[in-house]
Amino acid sequence: MNHVVLNACIAEVSAMRYTPAGLPALDLRLEHESEIEEAGHKRQVKTSVKTVALGSLAERLVRQSLGSLWQFTGFLASPRNSKNVVLHIQDFQQIS
């Protein structure tokens, strides 16, 4: 199973681009902060995640404000010839 749910804010948005098939694509950087218990101890988590959104999701995300907080769902994948991991966004909803 490859399914990620992450609460994060939009920290950076690149210019809209298009895939060779003509789909809108948007590269973003998300920032996440939380506290979680690990091995019986509280741990502060701060991370930055590279993400990509395609199609209508990209068109919706490009209109959102930097710093706004969302819940993102998607899956992890590596770009071709790369060892880096990218979160591919499949859906997002604003956190109230």
PDB file of N, CA and C in Angstrom:
ATOM      1  N   MET A   1       0.854  -1.177   0.000  1.00  0.00           N
ATOM      2  CA  MET A   1       0.000   0.000   0.000  1.00  0.00           C
ATOM      3  C   MET A   1       0.889   1.226   0.000  1.00  0.00           C
ATOM      4  N   ASN A   2       0.611   2.163  -0.853  1.00  0.00           N
ATOM      5  CA  ASN A   2       1.350   3.414  -0.954  1.00  0.00           C
ATOM      6  C   ASN A   2       0.319   4.534  -0.889  1.00  0.00           C
ATOM      7  N   HIS A   3       0.020   4.985   0.329  1.00  0.00           N
ATOM      8  CA  HIS A   3      -1.006   6.001   0.541  1.00  0.00           C
ATOM      9  C   HIS A   3      -0.516   6.943   1.641  1.00  0.00           C
ATOM     10  N   VAL A   4      -0.464   8.228   1.349  1.00  0.00           N
ATOM     11  CA  VAL A   4       0.032   9.216   2.295  1.00  0.00           C
ATOM     12  C   VAL A   4      -1.068  10.228   2.582  1.00  0.00           C
ATOM     13  N   VAL A   5      -1.235  10.563   3.863  1.00  0.00           N
ATOM     14  CA  VAL A   5      -2.106  11.652   4.289  1.00  0.00           C
ATOM     15  C   VAL A   5      -1.230  12.577   5.120  1.00  0.00           C
ATOM     16  N   LEU A   6      -1.173  13.848   4.735  1.00  0.00           N
ATOM     17  CA  LEU A   6      -0.263  14.782   5.387  1.00  0.00           C
ATOM     18  C   LEU A   6      -0.923  16.143   5.545  1.00  0.00           C
ATOM     19  N   ASN A   7      -0.928  16.657   6.773  1.00  0.00           N
ATOM     20  CA  ASN A   7      -1.354  18.030   7.010  1.00  0.00           C
ATOM     21  C   ASN A   7      -0.126  18.900   6.846  1.00  0.00           C
ATOM     22  N   ALA A   8      -0.202  19.895   5.970  1.00  0.00           N
ATOM     23  CA  ALA A   8       0.965  20.725   5.688  1.00  0.00           C
ATOM     24  C   ALA A   8       0.534  22.063   5.111  1.00  0.00           C
ATOM     25  N   CYS A   9       1.450  23.025   5.175  1.00  0.00           N
ATOM     26  CA  CYS A   9       1.171  24.317   4.547  1.00  0.00           C
ATOM     27  C   CYS A   9       1.983  24.428   3.258  1.00  0.00           C
ATOM     28  N   ILE A  10       1.456  25.222   2.349  1.00  0.00           N
ATOM     29  CA  ILE A  10       2.113  25.444   1.065  1.00  0.00           C
ATOM     30  C   ILE A  10       3.231  26.457   1.298  1.00  0.00           C
ATOM     31  N   ALA A  11       4.479  26.024   1.110  1.00  0.00           N
ATOM     32  CA  ALA A  11       5.635  26.884   1.365  1.00  0.00           C
ATOM     33  C   ALA A  11       6.186  27.508   0.090  1.00  0.00           C
ATOM     34  N   GLU A  12       6.045  26.800  -1.027  1.00  0.00           N
ATOM     35  CA  GLU A  12       6.617  27.271  -2.285  1.00  0.00           C
ATOM     36  C   GLU A  12       5.837  26.676  -3.445  1.00  0.00           C
ATOM     37  N   VAL A  13       5.619  27.470  -4.481  1.00  0.00           N
ATOM     38  CA  VAL A  13       4.918  27.006  -5.673  1.00  0.00           C
ATOM     39  C   VAL A  13       5.697  27.451  -6.897  1.00  0.00           C
ATOM     40  N   SER A  14       5.999  26.514  -7.777  1.00  0.00           N
ATOM     41  CA  SER A  14       6.690  26.842  -9.033  1.00  0.00           C
ATOM     42  C   SER A  14       5.669  27.319 -10.059  1.00  0.00           C
ATOM     43  N   ALA A  15       6.155  27.822 -11.160  1.00  0.00           N
ATOM     44  CA  ALA A  15       5.267  28.222 -12.250  1.00  0.00           C
ATOM     45  C   ALA A  15       4.604  26.982 -12.853  1.00  0.00           C
ATOM     46  N   MET A  16       3.382  27.141 -13.285  1.00  0.00           N
ATOM     47  CA  MET A  16       2.668  26.032 -13.925  1.00  0.00           C
ATOM     48  C   MET A  16       3.446  25.603 -15.164  1.00  0.00           C
ATOM     49  N   ARG A  17       3.544  24.298 -15.343  1.00  0.00           N
ATOM     50  CA  ARG A  17       4.183  23.739 -16.531  1.00  0.00           C
ATOM     51  C   ARG A  17       3.225  22.720 -17.130  1.00  0.00           C
ATOM     52  N   TYR A  18       3.602  22.144 -18.260  1.00  0.00           N
ATOM     53  CA  TYR A  18       2.745  21.163 -18.924  1.00  0.00           C
ATOM     54  C   TYR A  18       3.564  19.927 -19.272  1.00  0.00           C
ATOM     55  N   THR A  19       2.965  18.770 -19.074  1.00  0.00           N
ATOM     56  CA  THR A  19       3.623  17.511 -19.415  1.00  0.00           C
ATOM     57  C   THR A  19       3.653  17.376 -20.938  1.00  0.00           C
ATOM     58  N   PRO A  20       4.458  16.435 -21.470  1.00  0.00           N
ATOM     59  CA  PRO A  20       4.453  16.213 -22.921  1.00  0.00           C
ATOM     60  C   PRO A  20       3.061  15.860 -23.464  1.00  0.00           C
ATOM     61  N   ALA A  21       2.203  15.299 -22.596  1.00  0.00           N
ATOM     62  CA  ALA A  21       0.835  14.972 -23.007  1.00  0.00           C
ATOM     63  C   ALA A  21      -0.108  16.174 -22.898  1.00  0.00           C
ATOM     64  N   GLY A  22       0.426  17.320 -22.451  1.00  0.00           N
ATOM     65  CA  GLY A  22      -0.388  18.530 -22.372  1.00  0.00           C
ATOM     66  C   GLY A  22      -1.114  18.735 -21.055  1.00  0.00           C
ATOM     67  N   LEU A  23      -0.850  17.889 -20.052  1.00  0.00           N
ATOM     68  CA  LEU A  23      -1.502  18.046 -18.743  1.00  0.00           C
ATOM     69  C   LEU A  23      -0.821  19.148 -17.940  1.00  0.00           C
ATOM     70  N   PRO A  24      -1.609  19.998 -17.265  1.00  0.00           N
ATOM     71  CA  PRO A  24      -0.999  20.973 -16.361  1.00  0.00           C
ATOM     72  C   PRO A  24      -0.281  20.219 -15.225  1.00  0.00           C
ATOM     73  N   ALA A  25       0.880  20.726 -14.834  1.00  0.00           N
ATOM     74  CA  ALA A  25       1.645  20.129 -13.739  1.00  0.00           C
ATOM     75  C   ALA A  25       2.188  21.254 -12.869  1.00  0.00           C
ATOM     76  N   LEU A  26       2.131  21.052 -11.567  1.00  0.00           N
ATOM     77  CA  LEU A  26       2.567  22.072 -10.625  1.00  0.00           C
ATOM     78  C   LEU A  26       3.467  21.431  -9.576  1.00  0.00           C
ATOM     79  N   ASP A  27       4.674  21.980  -9.439  1.00  0.00           N
ATOM     80  CA  ASP A  27       5.603  21.524  -8.411  1.00  0.00           C
ATOM     81  C   ASP A  27       5.466  22.436  -7.199  1.00  0.00           C
ATOM     82  N   LEU A  28       5.374  21.821  -6.021  1.00  0.00           N
ATOM     83  CA  LEU A  28       5.228  22.575  -4.779  1.00  0.00           C
ATOM     84  C   LEU A  28       6.192  22.030  -3.738  1.00  0.00           C
ATOM     85  N   ARG A  29       6.419  22.843  -2.712  1.00  0.00           N
ATOM     86  CA  ARG A  29       7.116  22.382  -1.527  1.00  0.00           C
ATOM     87  C   ARG A  29       6.183  22.624  -0.359  1.00  0.00           C
ATOM     88  N   LEU A  30       5.906  21.566   0.380  1.00  0.00           N
ATOM     89  CA  LEU A  30       5.035  21.635   1.545  1.00  0.00           C
ATOM     90  C   LEU A  30       5.870  21.571   2.809  1.00  0.00           C
ATOM     91  N   GLU A  31       5.411  22.241   3.861  1.00  0.00           N
ATOM     92  CA  GLU A  31       6.073  22.162   5.160  1.00  0.00           C
ATOM     93  C   GLU A  31       5.102  21.600   6.183  1.00  0.00           C
ATOM     94  N   HIS A  32       5.617  20.665   6.979  1.00  0.00           N
ATOM     95  CA  HIS A  32       4.810  19.970   7.982  1.00  0.00           C
ATOM     96  C   HIS A  32       5.481  20.085   9.341  1.00  0.00           C
ATOM     97  N   GLU A  33       4.662  20.317  10.381  1.00  0.00           N
ATOM     98  CA  GLU A  33       5.129  20.306  11.767  1.00  0.00           C
ATOM     99  C   GLU A  33       4.119  19.541  12.608  1.00  0.00           C
ATOM    100  N   SER A  34       4.628  18.665  13.470  1.00  0.00           N
ATOM    101  CA  SER A  34       3.741  17.936  14.376  1.00  0.00           C
ATOM    102  C   SER A  34       4.544  17.386  15.539  1.00  0.00           C
ATOM    103  N   GLU A  35       3.820  16.831  16.489  1.00  0.00           N
ATOM    104  CA  GLU A  35       4.420  16.128  17.607  1.00  0.00           C
ATOM    105  C   GLU A  35       3.825  14.731  17.619  1.00  0.00           C
ATOM    106  N   ILE A  36       4.680  13.735  17.720  1.00  0.00           N
ATOM    107  CA  ILE A  36       4.222  12.359  17.669  1.00  0.00           C
ATOM    108  C   ILE A  36       4.996  11.542  18.694  1.00  0.00           C
ATOM    109  N   GLU A  37       4.373  10.480  19.170  1.00  0.00           N
ATOM    110  CA  GLU A  37       5.058   9.607  20.115  1.00  0.00           C
ATOM    111  C   GLU A  37       5.778   8.503  19.357  1.00  0.00           C
ATOM    112  N   GLU A  38       7.048   8.317  19.725  1.00  0.00           N
ATOM    113  CA  GLU A  38       7.860   7.268  19.115  1.00  0.00           C
ATOM    114  C   GLU A  38       8.675   6.595  20.222  1.00  0.00           C
ATOM    115  N   ALA A  39       8.534   5.297  20.345  1.00  0.00           N
ATOM    116  CA  ALA A  39       9.258   4.514  21.361  1.00  0.00           C
ATOM    117  C   ALA A  39       9.045   5.082  22.756  1.00  0.00           C
ATOM    118  N   GLY A  40       7.821   5.524  23.027  1.00  0.00           N
ATOM    119  CA  GLY A  40       7.472   6.022  24.353  1.00  0.00           C
ATOM    120  C   GLY A  40       7.889   7.452  24.637  1.00  0.00           C
ATOM    121  N   HIS A  41       8.423   8.150  23.659  1.00  0.00           N
ATOM    122  CA  HIS A  41       8.865   9.535  23.847  1.00  0.00           C
ATOM    123  C   HIS A  41       8.218  10.439  22.814  1.00  0.00           C
ATOM    124  N   LYS A  42       7.933  11.674  23.250  1.00  0.00           N
ATOM    125  CA  LYS A  42       7.385  12.645  22.303  1.00  0.00           C
ATOM    126  C   LYS A  42       8.502  13.149  21.405  1.00  0.00           C
ATOM    127  N   ARG A  43       8.168  13.271  20.139  1.00  0.00           N
ATOM    128  CA  ARG A  43       9.143  13.728  19.152  1.00  0.00           C
ATOM    129  C   ARG A  43       8.541  14.872  18.347  1.00  0.00           C
ATOM    130  N   GLN A  44       9.298  15.953  18.191  1.00  0.00           N
ATOM    131  CA  GLN A  44       8.899  17.069  17.347  1.00  0.00           C
ATOM    132  C   GLN A  44       9.316  16.746  15.924  1.00  0.00           C
ATOM    133  N   VAL A  45       8.376  16.862  14.995  1.00  0.00           N
ATOM    134  CA  VAL A  45       8.658  16.572  13.592  1.00  0.00           C
ATOM    135  C   VAL A  45       8.484  17.855  12.791  1.00  0.00           C
ATOM    136  N   LYS A  46       9.512  18.200  12.034  1.00  0.00           N
ATOM    137  CA  LYS A  46       9.461  19.313  11.084  1.00  0.00           C
ATOM    138  C   LYS A  46      10.085  18.792   9.813  1.00  0.00           C
ATOM    139  N   THR A  47       9.348  18.911   8.717  1.00  0.00           N
ATOM    140  CA  THR A  47       9.888  18.424   7.448  1.00  0.00           C
ATOM    141  C   THR A  47       9.365  19.243   6.286  1.00  0.00           C
ATOM    142  N   SER A  48      10.097  19.196   5.219  1.00  0.00           N
ATOM    143  CA  SER A  48       9.733  19.848   3.970  1.00  0.00           C
ATOM    144  C   SER A  48       9.627  18.746   2.923  1.00  0.00           C
ATOM    145  N   VAL A  49       8.553  18.762   2.136  1.00  0.00           N
ATOM    146  CA  VAL A  49       8.287  17.683   1.191  1.00  0.00           C
ATOM    147  C   VAL A  49       8.092  18.251  -0.211  1.00  0.00           C
ATOM    148  N   LYS A  50       8.823  17.680  -1.178  1.00  0.00           N
ATOM    149  CA  LYS A  50       8.597  18.044  -2.582  1.00  0.00           C
ATOM    150  C   LYS A  50       7.342  17.323  -3.047  1.00  0.00           C
ATOM    151  N   THR A  51       6.488  18.042  -3.774  1.00  0.00           N
ATOM    152  CA  THR A  51       5.239  17.457  -4.250  1.00  0.00           C
ATOM    153  C   THR A  51       4.979  17.876  -5.688  1.00  0.00           C
ATOM    154  N   VAL A  52       4.072  17.152  -6.326  1.00  0.00           N
ATOM    155  CA  VAL A  52       3.629  17.497  -7.665  1.00  0.00           C
ATOM    156  C   VAL A  52       2.125  17.224  -7.750  1.00  0.00           C
ATOM    157  N   ALA A  53       1.429  18.083  -8.467  1.00  0.00           N
ATOM    158  CA  ALA A  53      -0.004  17.900  -8.733  1.00  0.00           C
ATOM    159  C   ALA A  53      -0.207  18.002 -10.239  1.00  0.00           C
ATOM    160  N   LEU A  54      -1.088  17.182 -10.770  1.00  0.00           N
ATOM    161  CA  LEU A  54      -1.356  17.154 -12.207  1.00  0.00           C
ATOM    162  C   LEU A  54      -2.819  17.465 -12.502  1.00  0.00           C
ATOM    163  N   GLY A  55      -3.064  17.938 -13.712  1.00  0.00           N
ATOM    164  CA  GLY A  55      -4.431  18.132 -14.197  1.00  0.00           C
ATOM    165  C   GLY A  55      -5.187  19.202 -13.434  1.00  0.00           C
ATOM    166  N   SER A  56      -6.462  18.922 -13.157  1.00  0.00           N
ATOM    167  CA  SER A  56      -7.320  19.905 -12.491  1.00  0.00           C
ATOM    168  C   SER A  56      -6.849  20.205 -11.070  1.00  0.00           C
ATOM    169  N   LEU A  57      -6.179  19.250 -10.413  1.00  0.00           N
ATOM    170  CA  LEU A  57      -5.631  19.515  -9.075  1.00  0.00           C
ATOM    171  C   LEU A  57      -4.567  20.606  -9.150  1.00  0.00           C
ATOM    172  N   ALA A  58      -3.723  20.556 -10.160  1.00  0.00           N
ATOM    173  CA  ALA A  58      -2.699  21.589 -10.347  1.00  0.00           C
ATOM    174  C   ALA A  58      -3.357  22.950 -10.564  1.00  0.00           C
ATOM    175  N   GLU A  59      -4.402  22.983 -11.368  1.00  0.00           N
ATOM    176  CA  GLU A  59      -5.102  24.245 -11.641  1.00  0.00           C
ATOM    177  C   GLU A  59      -5.764  24.806 -10.388  1.00  0.00           C
ATOM    178  N   ARG A  60      -6.263  23.941  -9.499  1.00  0.00           N
ATOM    179  CA  ARG A  60      -6.856  24.393  -8.237  1.00  0.00           C
ATOM    180  C   ARG A  60      -5.782  24.846  -7.252  1.00  0.00           C
ATOM    181  N   LEU A  61      -4.689  24.084  -7.166  1.00  0.00           N
ATOM    182  CA  LEU A  61      -3.646  24.394  -6.188  1.00  0.00           C
ATOM    183  C   LEU A  61      -2.901  25.685  -6.505  1.00  0.00           C
ATOM    184  N   VAL A  62      -2.711  26.002  -7.770  1.00  0.00           N
ATOM    185  CA  VAL A  62      -1.956  27.201  -8.135  1.00  0.00           C
ATOM    186  C   VAL A  62      -2.653  28.466  -7.634  1.00  0.00           C
ATOM    187  N   ARG A  63      -3.933  28.398  -7.357  1.00  0.00           N
ATOM    188  CA  ARG A  63      -4.693  29.559  -6.882  1.00  0.00           C
ATOM    189  C   ARG A  63      -4.677  29.704  -5.360  1.00  0.00           C
ATOM    190  N   GLN A  64      -4.069  28.770  -4.638  1.00  0.00           N
ATOM    191  CA  GLN A  64      -4.073  28.814  -3.177  1.00  0.00           C
ATOM    192  C   GLN A  64      -2.928  29.669  -2.647  1.00  0.00           C
ATOM    193  N   SER A  65      -3.123  30.243  -1.485  1.00  0.00           N
ATOM    194  CA  SER A  65      -2.147  31.151  -0.885  1.00  0.00           C
ATOM    195  C   SER A  65      -0.977  30.409  -0.256  1.00  0.00           C
ATOM    196  N   LEU A  66       0.204  31.003  -0.391  1.00  0.00           N
ATOM    197  CA  LEU A  66       1.353  30.490   0.340  1.00  0.00           C
ATOM    198  C   LEU A  66       1.054  30.577   1.829  1.00  0.00           C
ATOM    199  N   GLY A  67       1.454  29.573   2.574  1.00  0.00           N
ATOM    200  CA  GLY A  67       1.220  29.551   4.014  1.00  0.00           C
ATOM    201  C   GLY A  67      -0.118  28.965   4.420  1.00  0.00           C
ATOM    202  N   SER A  68      -1.010  28.715   3.453  1.00  0.00           N
ATOM    203  CA  SER A  68      -2.308  28.149   3.805  1.00  0.00           C
ATOM    204  C   SER A  68      -2.149  26.662   4.165  1.00  0.00           C
ATOM    205  N   LEU A  69      -2.972  26.206   5.110  1.00  0.00           N
ATOM    206  CA  LEU A  69      -2.874  24.859   5.664  1.00  0.00           C
ATOM    207  C   LEU A  69      -3.916  23.943   5.035  1.00  0.00           C
ATOM    208  N   TRP A  70      -3.458  22.752   4.610  1.00  0.00           N
ATOM    209  CA  TRP A  70      -4.313  21.789   3.916  1.00  0.00           C
ATOM    210  C   TRP A  70      -4.011  20.367   4.372  1.00  0.00           C
ATOM    211  N   GLN A  71      -4.949  19.483   4.113  1.00  0.00           N
ATOM    212  CA  GLN A  71      -4.690  18.059   4.258  1.00  0.00           C
ATOM    213  C   GLN A  71      -4.539  17.490   2.850  1.00  0.00           C
ATOM    214  N   PHE A  72      -3.370  16.927   2.575  1.00  0.00           N
ATOM    215  CA  PHE A  72      -3.051  16.376   1.265  1.00  0.00           C
ATOM    216  C   PHE A  72      -3.082  14.859   1.324  1.00  0.00           C
ATOM    217  N   THR A  73      -3.626  14.230   0.296  1.00  0.00           N
ATOM    218  CA  THR A  73      -3.546  12.779   0.163  1.00  0.00           C
ATOM    219  C   THR A  73      -2.896  12.478  -1.178  1.00  0.00           C
ATOM    220  N   GLY A  74      -2.166  11.373  -1.213  1.00  0.00           N
ATOM    221  CA  GLY A  74      -1.494  11.009  -2.442  1.00  0.00           C
ATOM    222  C   GLY A  74      -0.630   9.783  -2.260  1.00  0.00           C
ATOM    223  N   PHE A  75       0.406   9.683  -3.099  1.00  0.00           N
ATOM    224  CA  PHE A  75       1.309   8.542  -3.048  1.00  0.00           C
ATOM    225  C   PHE A  75       2.736   9.015  -3.293  1.00  0.00           C
ATOM    226  N   LEU A  76       3.705   8.203  -2.888  1.00  0.00           N
ATOM    227  CA  LEU A  76       5.116   8.525  -3.058  1.00  0.00           C
ATOM    228  C   LEU A  76       5.680   7.846  -4.290  1.00  0.00           C
ATOM    229  N   ALA A  77       6.520   8.570  -5.017  1.00  0.00           N
ATOM    230  CA  ALA A  77       7.190   8.012  -6.190  1.00  0.00           C
ATOM    231  C   ALA A  77       8.510   8.757  -6.383  1.00  0.00           C
ATOM    232  N   SER A  78       9.407   8.155  -7.133  1.00  0.00           N
ATOM    233  CA  SER A  78      10.680   8.788  -7.490  1.00  0.00           C
ATOM    234  C   SER A  78      10.648   9.154  -8.962  1.00  0.00           C
ATOM    235  N   PRO A  79      11.098  10.368  -9.290  1.00  0.00           N
ATOM    236  CA  PRO A  79      11.204  10.712 -10.712  1.00  0.00           C
ATOM    237  C   PRO A  79      12.205   9.776 -11.396  1.00  0.00           C
ATOM    238  N   ARG A  80      12.101   9.645 -12.685  1.00  0.00           N
ATOM    239  CA  ARG A  80      13.026   8.786 -13.436  1.00  0.00           C
ATOM    240  C   ARG A  80      14.468   9.189 -13.165  1.00  0.00           C
ATOM    241  N   ASN A  81      15.329   8.196 -13.026  1.00  0.00           N
ATOM    242  CA  ASN A  81      16.767   8.407 -12.807  1.00  0.00           C
ATOM    243  C   ASN A  81      17.064   9.241 -11.562  1.00  0.00           C
ATOM    244  N   SER A  82      16.232   9.112 -10.532  1.00  0.00           N
ATOM    245  CA  SER A  82      16.435   9.872  -9.307  1.00  0.00           C
ATOM    246  C   SER A  82      16.171   8.977  -8.101  1.00  0.00           C
ATOM    247  N   LYS A  83      16.828   9.300  -7.009  1.00  0.00           N
ATOM    248  CA  LYS A  83      16.592   8.574  -5.758  1.00  0.00           C
ATOM    249  C   LYS A  83      15.730   9.388  -4.811  1.00  0.00           C
ATOM    250  N   ASN A  84      15.372  10.606  -5.202  1.00  0.00           N
ATOM    251  CA  ASN A  84      14.535  11.459  -4.367  1.00  0.00           C
ATOM    252  C   ASN A  84      13.089  10.995  -4.404  1.00  0.00           C
ATOM    253  N   VAL A  85      12.383  11.251  -3.334  1.00  0.00           N
ATOM    254  CA  VAL A  85      10.969  10.886  -3.239  1.00  0.00           C
ATOM    255  C   VAL A  85      10.122  12.142  -3.419  1.00  0.00           C
ATOM    256  N   VAL A  86       9.053  12.016  -4.177  1.00  0.00           N
ATOM    257  CA  VAL A  86       8.116  13.112  -4.418  1.00  0.00           C
ATOM    258  C   VAL A  86       6.714  12.637  -4.065  1.00  0.00           C
ATOM    259  N   LEU A  87       5.971  13.466  -3.323  1.00  0.00           N
ATOM    260  CA  LEU A  87       4.575  13.173  -3.015  1.00  0.00           C
ATOM    261  C   LEU A  87       3.723  13.616  -4.202  1.00  0.00           C
ATOM    262  N   HIS A  88       3.023  12.691  -4.811  1.00  0.00           N
ATOM    263  CA  HIS A  88       2.093  12.991  -5.902  1.00  0.00           C
ATOM    264  C   HIS A  88       0.720  13.211  -5.287  1.00  0.00           C
ATOM    265  N   ILE A  89       0.231  14.434  -5.378  1.00  0.00           N
ATOM    266  CA  ILE A  89      -1.038  14.799  -4.744  1.00  0.00           C
ATOM    267  C   ILE A  89      -2.202  14.273  -5.577  1.00  0.00           C
ATOM    268  N   GLN A  90      -3.119  13.584  -4.897  1.00  0.00           N
ATOM    269  CA  GLN A  90      -4.327  13.080  -5.541  1.00  0.00           C
ATOM    270  C   GLN A  90      -5.573  13.830  -5.076  1.00  0.00           C
ATOM    271  N   ASP A  91      -5.481  14.485  -3.916  1.00  0.00           N
ATOM    272  CA  ASP A  91      -6.609  15.266  -3.403  1.00  0.00           C
ATOM    273  C   ASP A  91      -6.086  16.189  -2.305  1.00  0.00           C
ATOM    274  N   PHE A  92      -6.811  17.255  -2.028  1.00  0.00           N
ATOM    275  CA  PHE A  92      -6.466  18.135  -0.911  1.00  0.00           C
ATOM    276  C   PHE A  92      -7.726  18.837  -0.431  1.00  0.00           C
ATOM    277  N   GLN A  93      -7.753  19.112   0.890  1.00  0.00           N
ATOM    278  CA  GLN A  93      -8.890  19.804   1.488  1.00  0.00           C
ATOM    279  C   GLN A  93      -8.357  20.775   2.531  1.00  0.00           C
ATOM    280  N   GLN A  94      -8.992  21.918   2.643  1.00  0.00           N
ATOM    281  CA  GLN A  94      -8.556  22.908   3.619  1.00  0.00           C
ATOM    282  C   GLN A  94      -8.889  22.426   5.023  1.00  0.00           C
ATOM    283  N   ILE A  95      -7.968  22.690   5.932  1.00  0.00           N
ATOM    284  CA  ILE A  95      -8.174  22.344   7.339  1.00  0.00           C
ATOM    285  C   ILE A  95      -8.777  23.557   8.017  1.00  0.00           C
ATOM    286  N   SER A  96      -9.887  23.341   8.728  1.00  0.00           N
ATOM    287  CA  SER A  96     -10.522  24.504   9.379  1.00  0.00           C
ATOM    288  C   SER A  96     -10.000  24.709  10.763  1.00  0.00           C
TER     289      SER A  96
END
